[in-house]
C-alpha atoms as a PDB file:
ATOM      1  CA  MET A   1     -89.985  63.097  68.267  1.00  0.00           C
ATOM      2  CA  THR A   2     -88.181  59.863  67.525  1.00  0.00           C
ATOM      3  CA  ARG A   3     -84.429  59.885  67.320  1.00  0.00           C
ATOM      4  CA  ARG A   4     -82.731  57.636  64.872  1.00  0.00           C
ATOM      5  CA  PHE A   5     -79.221  56.501  65.419  1.00  0.00           C
ATOM      6  CA  SER A   6     -77.099  55.128  62.668  1.00  0.00           C
ATOM      7  CA  VAL A   7     -74.761  52.330  63.570  1.00  0.00           C
ATOM      8  CA  LYS A   8     -71.587  52.196  61.558  1.00  0.00           C
ATOM      9  CA  PRO A   9     -70.601  48.685  60.560  1.00  0.00           C
ATOM     10  CA  CYS A  10     -67.308  47.464  61.988  1.00  0.00           C
ATOM     11  CA  THR A  11     -64.419  47.627  59.570  1.00  0.00           C
ATOM     12  CA  PRO A  12     -62.219  44.531  59.180  1.00  0.00           C
ATOM     13  CA  GLU A  13     -59.435  46.365  61.037  1.00  0.00           C
ATOM     14  CA  LYS A  14     -61.764  47.216  63.926  1.00  0.00           C
ATOM     15  CA  ILE A  15     -62.869  43.574  64.162  1.00  0.00           C
ATOM     16  CA  VAL A  16     -59.215  42.500  64.517  1.00  0.00           C
ATOM     17  CA  GLN A  17     -58.557  45.262  67.059  1.00  0.00           C
ATOM     18  CA  ASN A  18     -61.560  44.340  69.215  1.00  0.00           C
ATOM     19  CA  ALA A  19     -60.545  40.663  69.208  1.00  0.00           C
ATOM     20  CA  VAL A  20     -56.960  41.547  70.172  1.00  0.00           C
ATOM     21  CA  ILE A  21     -58.167  43.749  73.039  1.00  0.00           C
ATOM     22  CA  ALA A  22     -60.484  41.014  74.309  1.00  0.00           C
ATOM     23  CA  GLN A  23     -57.697  38.406  74.227  1.00  0.00           C
ATOM     24  CA  LEU A  24     -55.232  40.691  75.991  1.00  0.00           C
ATOM     25  CA  ARG A  25     -57.721  41.544  78.724  1.00  0.00           C
ATOM     26  CA  PHE A  26     -58.600  37.866  79.144  1.00  0.00           C
ATOM     27  CA  HIS A  27     -54.889  37.232  79.769  1.00  0.00           C
ATOM     28  CA  LEU A  28     -54.852  40.098  82.319  1.00  0.00           C
ATOM     29  CA  TRP A  29     -52.931  42.664  80.277  1.00  0.00           C
ATOM     30  CA  PHE A  30     -53.764  46.341  80.857  1.00  0.00           C
ATOM     31  CA  VAL A  31     -54.673  47.712  77.420  1.00  0.00           C
ATOM     32  CA  GLN A  32     -54.581  51.308  76.242  1.00  0.00           C
ATOM     33  CA  ARG A  33     -56.012  52.305  72.878  1.00  0.00           C
ATOM     34  CA  ASN A  34     -54.217  55.163  71.116  1.00  0.00           C
ATOM     35  CA  GLN A  35     -56.587  57.464  69.274  1.00  0.00           C
ATOM     36  CA  ALA A  36     -55.294  59.103  66.114  1.00  0.00           C
ATOM     37  CA  GLY A  37     -55.081  62.868  66.166  1.00  0.00           C
ATOM     38  CA  LEU A  38     -55.406  63.412  69.913  1.00  0.00           C
ATOM     39  CA  GLY A  39     -51.903  64.749  70.328  1.00  0.00           C
ATOM     40  CA  ASN A  40     -50.376  61.450  69.243  1.00  0.00           C
ATOM     41  CA  THR A  41     -47.515  61.341  66.802  1.00  0.00           C
ATOM     42  CA  LYS A  42     -48.411  60.018  63.359  1.00  0.00           C
ATOM     43  CA  GLY A  43     -47.702  56.320  63.078  1.00  0.00           C
ATOM     44  CA  ARG A  44     -48.087  55.432  66.756  1.00  0.00           C
ATOM     45  CA  PRO A  45     -49.402  51.853  67.124  1.00  0.00           C
ATOM     46  CA  ASP A  46     -53.103  51.383  67.849  1.00  0.00           C
ATOM     47  CA  LEU A  47     -52.638  49.619  71.183  1.00  0.00           C
ATOM     48  CA  GLU A  48     -50.261  49.453  74.114  1.00  0.00           C
ATOM     49  CA  ALA A  49     -50.500  46.535  76.514  1.00  0.00           C
ATOM     50  CA  TYR A  50     -48.793  46.223  79.905  1.00  0.00           C
ATOM     51  CA  ARG A  51     -48.356  43.244  82.200  1.00  0.00           C
ATOM     52  CA  MET A  52     -45.891  42.411  84.952  1.00  0.00           C
ATOM     53  CA  GLY A  53     -43.333  45.002  83.805  1.00  0.00           C
ATOM     54  CA  GLN A  54     -43.618  44.175  80.099  1.00  0.00           C
ATOM     55  CA  THR A  55     -44.878  46.490  77.358  1.00  0.00           C
ATOM     56  CA  LEU A  56     -46.283  45.364  74.029  1.00  0.00           C
ATOM     57  CA  PHE A  57     -47.101  47.767  71.183  1.00  0.00           C
ATOM     58  CA  ILE A  58     -49.648  46.478  68.661  1.00  0.00           C
ATOM     59  CA  GLU A  59     -50.655  47.867  65.277  1.00  0.00           C
ATOM     60  CA  CYS A  60     -53.895  46.260  64.053  1.00  0.00           C
ATOM     61  CA  LYS A  61     -54.569  45.883  60.349  1.00  0.00           C
ATOM     62  CA  ALA A  62     -57.276  44.370  58.214  1.00  0.00           C
ATOM     63  CA  PRO A  63     -56.226  41.141  56.526  1.00  0.00           C
ATOM     64  CA  ARG A  64     -53.782  42.134  53.785  1.00  0.00           C
ATOM     65  CA  GLY A  65     -53.649  45.674  55.216  1.00  0.00           C
ATOM     66  CA  ARG A  66     -50.490  47.732  54.759  1.00  0.00           C
ATOM     67  CA  LEU A  67     -48.521  50.006  57.057  1.00  0.00           C
ATOM     68  CA  SER A  68     -48.197  53.681  56.186  1.00  0.00           C
ATOM     69  CA  GLU A  69     -44.748  55.245  55.900  1.00  0.00           C
ATOM     70  CA  TYR A  70     -45.322  56.950  59.274  1.00  0.00           C
ATOM     71  CA  GLN A  71     -46.188  53.619  60.894  1.00  0.00           C
ATOM     72  CA  VAL A  72     -43.108  51.918  59.450  1.00  0.00           C
ATOM     73  CA  LYS A  73     -40.849  54.679  60.808  1.00  0.00           C
ATOM     74  CA  TYR A  74     -42.498  54.752  64.246  1.00  0.00           C
ATOM     75  CA  ILE A  75     -42.331  50.960  64.578  1.00  0.00           C
ATOM     76  CA  ASP A  76     -38.675  50.947  63.504  1.00  0.00           C
ATOM     77  CA  ASP A  77     -37.896  53.610  66.130  1.00  0.00           C
ATOM     78  CA  LEU A  78     -39.658  51.629  68.860  1.00  0.00           C
ATOM     79  CA  ARG A  79     -37.785  48.449  67.922  1.00  0.00           C
ATOM     80  CA  LYS A  80     -34.447  50.322  67.885  1.00  0.00           C
ATOM     81  CA  HIS A  81     -35.184  51.203  71.508  1.00  0.00           C
ATOM     82  CA  GLY A  82     -35.782  47.561  72.403  1.00  0.00           C
ATOM     83  CA  MET A  83     -39.568  47.629  72.465  1.00  0.00           C
ATOM     84  CA  THR A  84     -41.740  44.692  71.375  1.00  0.00           C
ATOM     85  CA  VAL A  85     -43.974  45.704  68.474  1.00  0.00           C
ATOM     86  CA  TRP A  86     -46.403  43.449  66.611  1.00  0.00           C
ATOM     87  CA  VAL A  87     -48.410  44.111  63.490  1.00  0.00           C
ATOM     88  CA  VAL A  88     -51.552  41.979  63.745  1.00  0.00           C
ATOM     89  CA  ASP A  89     -53.928  41.119  60.915  1.00  0.00           C
ATOM     90  CA  ASN A  90     -55.221  37.792  62.241  1.00  0.00           C
ATOM     91  CA  ALA A  91     -56.671  37.425  65.756  1.00  0.00           C
ATOM     92  CA  ASP A  92     -56.144  33.645  65.925  1.00  0.00           C
ATOM     93  CA  ARG A  93     -52.466  33.912  65.026  1.00  0.00           C
ATOM     94  CA  PHE A  94     -52.159  36.754  67.545  1.00  0.00           C
ATOM     95  CA  LEU A  95     -53.447  34.495  70.316  1.00  0.00           C
ATOM     96  CA  GLU A  96     -50.851  31.841  69.474  1.00  0.00           C
ATOM     97  CA  ASP A  97     -48.075  34.471  69.463  1.00  0.00           C
ATOM     98  CA  LEU A  98     -49.321  35.954  72.742  1.00  0.00           C
ATOM     99  CA  GLU A  99     -49.294  32.582  74.455  1.00  0.00           C
ATOM    100  CA  ALA A 100     -45.768  31.866  73.153  1.00  0.00           C
ATOM    101  CA  LEU A 101     -44.582  35.283  74.410  1.00  0.00           C
ATOM    102  CA  GLN A 102     -46.110  34.732  77.839  1.00  0.00           C
ATOM    103  CA  GLU A 103     -44.532  31.276  78.110  1.00  0.00           C
ATOM    104  CA  ARG A 104     -41.157  32.788  77.197  1.00  0.00           C
ATOM    105  CA  LEU A 105     -41.527  35.673  79.671  1.00  0.00           C
ATOM    106  CA  TRP A 106     -43.062  33.694  82.519  1.00  0.00           C
ATOM    107  CA  PRO A 107     -42.104  30.031  81.982  1.00  0.00           C
ATOM    108  CA  GLY A 108     -44.070  27.396  83.830  1.00  0.00           C
ATOM    109  CA  LYS A 109     -46.878  29.750  84.830  1.00  0.00           C
ATOM    110  CA  ASN A 110     -49.269  27.926  82.471  1.00  0.00           C
ATOM    111  CA  ILE A 111     -50.724  31.172  81.163  1.00  0.00           C
ATOM    112  CA  ARG A 112     -52.909  29.642  78.469  1.00  0.00           C
ATOM    113  CA  ARG A 113     -56.419  29.960  77.166  1.00  0.00           C
ATOM    114  CA  LEU A 114     -59.074  27.759  78.713  1.00  0.00           C
ATOM    115  CA  CYS A 115     -60.362  26.137  75.521  1.00  0.00           C
END
């Protein structure tokens, strides 16, 4: 008996999320993906990244994607508590922002991409 597996195509949001995760890991951030519905509060960002005492919350969207009302409220609450939260819909722009953040947090460490 032959088993057939169907492979779901990646959504535009998933493509952005995978690129963000790869870039964070390349820059030595510890990344945690938050799965919807597994006891998480509605609106919680897709990713949490940790490095050298810093925490970054990231909500990934498809290009021109929109936040739900739950996401807007959750992100506002995080920011009110002083957390860094980014909504990312472009992996290239994310990399530029990540490098700028790292240079601000750890000046002179030359934490940059190789190419």
